[in-house]
Amino acid sequence: MPTIEFSAVEIYRELIDEKKGKPCDEEGIAKRNKMKDFVKVTMKTTEIDKVQLADLKTAIEGEGLIKRI
């Protein structure tokens, strides 16, 4: 399972901003591309609006301790 240094909320907000057409600098473009690649691999889609935040959070953080027991 791939890992990423961003939180689920960061990814969600950034990719929604991109979808709305909000511009960013070169560094921001690289960050967005990394986030999109992660979402594509873990969620099997490039459409952030089709991804549930809870599912993305689970992909990043893993299942909670309660569910593991």
C-alpha atoms as a PDB file:
ATOM      1  CA  MET A   1       0.000   0.000   0.000  1.00  0.00           C
ATOM      2  CA  PRO A   2       1.472   3.366  -0.977  1.00  0.00           C
ATOM      3  CA  THR A   3       1.985   6.047   1.645  1.00  0.00           C
ATOM      4  CA  ILE A   4       1.671   9.810   1.427  1.00  0.00           C
ATOM      5  CA  GLU A   5       2.681  12.653   3.710  1.00  0.00           C
ATOM      6  CA  PHE A   6      -0.609  14.554   3.345  1.00  0.00           C
ATOM      7  CA  SER A   7      -3.776  14.113   5.375  1.00  0.00           C
ATOM      8  CA  ALA A   8      -7.042  13.039   3.780  1.00  0.00           C
ATOM      9  CA  VAL A   9      -8.517  16.505   4.345  1.00  0.00           C
ATOM     10  CA  GLU A  10      -5.495  18.187   2.703  1.00  0.00           C
ATOM     11  CA  ILE A  11      -5.827  15.961  -0.352  1.00  0.00           C
ATOM     12  CA  TYR A  12      -9.572  16.462  -0.547  1.00  0.00           C
ATOM     13  CA  ARG A  13      -9.369  20.265  -0.276  1.00  0.00           C
ATOM     14  CA  GLU A  14      -6.482  20.620  -2.699  1.00  0.00           C
ATOM     15  CA  LEU A  15      -8.005  18.429  -5.390  1.00  0.00           C
ATOM     16  CA  ILE A  16     -11.421  20.088  -5.020  1.00  0.00           C
ATOM     17  CA  ASP A  17      -9.700  23.480  -5.434  1.00  0.00           C
ATOM     18  CA  GLU A  18      -8.033  22.164  -8.581  1.00  0.00           C
ATOM     19  CA  LYS A  19     -11.369  20.953  -9.919  1.00  0.00           C
ATOM     20  CA  LYS A  20     -12.801  24.439  -9.315  1.00  0.00           C
ATOM     21  CA  GLY A  21      -9.938  25.894 -11.371  1.00  0.00           C
ATOM     22  CA  LYS A  22      -8.009  27.512  -8.514  1.00  0.00           C
ATOM     23  CA  PRO A  23      -4.492  28.255  -9.795  1.00  0.00           C
ATOM     24  CA  CYS A  24      -1.283  27.305  -8.015  1.00  0.00           C
ATOM     25  CA  ASP A  25       2.472  27.603  -8.513  1.00  0.00           C
ATOM     26  CA  GLU A  26       4.912  24.963  -9.820  1.00  0.00           C
ATOM     27  CA  GLU A  27       5.335  23.464  -6.351  1.00  0.00           C
ATOM     28  CA  GLY A  28       1.563  23.302  -5.945  1.00  0.00           C
ATOM     29  CA  ILE A  29       1.204  21.540  -9.291  1.00  0.00           C
ATOM     30  CA  ALA A  30       3.745  18.896  -8.234  1.00  0.00           C
ATOM     31  CA  LYS A  31       1.903  18.477  -4.911  1.00  0.00           C
ATOM     32  CA  ARG A  32      -1.451  18.080  -6.685  1.00  0.00           C
ATOM     33  CA  ASN A  33      -0.013  15.534  -9.105  1.00  0.00           C
ATOM     34  CA  LYS A  34       1.379  13.486  -6.218  1.00  0.00           C
ATOM     35  CA  MET A  35      -2.020  13.610  -4.505  1.00  0.00           C
ATOM     36  CA  LYS A  36      -3.853  12.629  -7.715  1.00  0.00           C
ATOM     37  CA  ASP A  37      -1.494   9.686  -8.260  1.00  0.00           C
ATOM     38  CA  PHE A  38      -2.132   8.490  -4.698  1.00  0.00           C
ATOM     39  CA  VAL A  39      -5.912   8.766  -5.104  1.00  0.00           C
ATOM     40  CA  LYS A  40      -5.750   6.952  -8.454  1.00  0.00           C
ATOM     41  CA  VAL A  41      -3.778   4.042  -6.973  1.00  0.00           C
ATOM     42  CA  THR A  42      -5.700   3.703  -3.704  1.00  0.00           C
ATOM     43  CA  MET A  43      -9.227   4.692  -4.743  1.00  0.00           C
ATOM     44  CA  LYS A  44      -9.093   3.489  -8.390  1.00  0.00           C
ATOM     45  CA  THR A  45     -10.363   6.850  -9.689  1.00  0.00           C
ATOM     46  CA  THR A  46      -9.075  10.297 -10.563  1.00  0.00           C
ATOM     47  CA  GLU A  47     -12.371  11.991  -9.671  1.00  0.00           C
ATOM     48  CA  ILE A  48     -12.009  13.314  -6.116  1.00  0.00           C
ATOM     49  CA  ASP A  49     -15.721  14.121  -5.917  1.00  0.00           C
ATOM     50  CA  LYS A  50     -16.489  10.391  -6.277  1.00  0.00           C
ATOM     51  CA  VAL A  51     -14.272   9.492  -3.294  1.00  0.00           C
ATOM     52  CA  GLN A  52     -15.683   9.346   0.225  1.00  0.00           C
ATOM     53  CA  LEU A  53     -13.498  11.252   2.698  1.00  0.00           C
ATOM     54  CA  ALA A  54     -13.762   8.384   5.197  1.00  0.00           C
ATOM     55  CA  ASP A  55     -12.478   5.898   2.601  1.00  0.00           C
ATOM     56  CA  LEU A  56      -9.563   8.174   1.721  1.00  0.00           C
ATOM     57  CA  LYS A  57      -8.746   8.595   5.407  1.00  0.00           C
ATOM     58  CA  THR A  58      -8.710   4.817   5.872  1.00  0.00           C
ATOM     59  CA  ALA A  59      -6.392   4.442   2.848  1.00  0.00           C
ATOM     60  CA  ILE A  60      -3.948   6.935   4.365  1.00  0.00           C
ATOM     61  CA  GLU A  61      -4.133   6.123   8.065  1.00  0.00           C
ATOM     62  CA  GLY A  62      -5.178   2.483   7.984  1.00  0.00           C
ATOM     63  CA  GLU A  63      -8.051   1.095   9.976  1.00  0.00           C
ATOM     64  CA  GLY A  64      -8.457   2.352  13.518  1.00  0.00           C
ATOM     65  CA  LEU A  65      -7.341   0.329  16.506  1.00  0.00           C
ATOM     66  CA  ILE A  66     -10.928  -0.471  17.445  1.00  0.00           C
ATOM     67  CA  LYS A  67     -11.546  -2.240  14.139  1.00  0.00           C
ATOM     68  CA  ARG A  68      -8.319  -4.250  14.465  1.00  0.00           C
ATOM     69  CA  ILE A  69      -9.312  -5.818  17.767  1.00  0.00           C
END
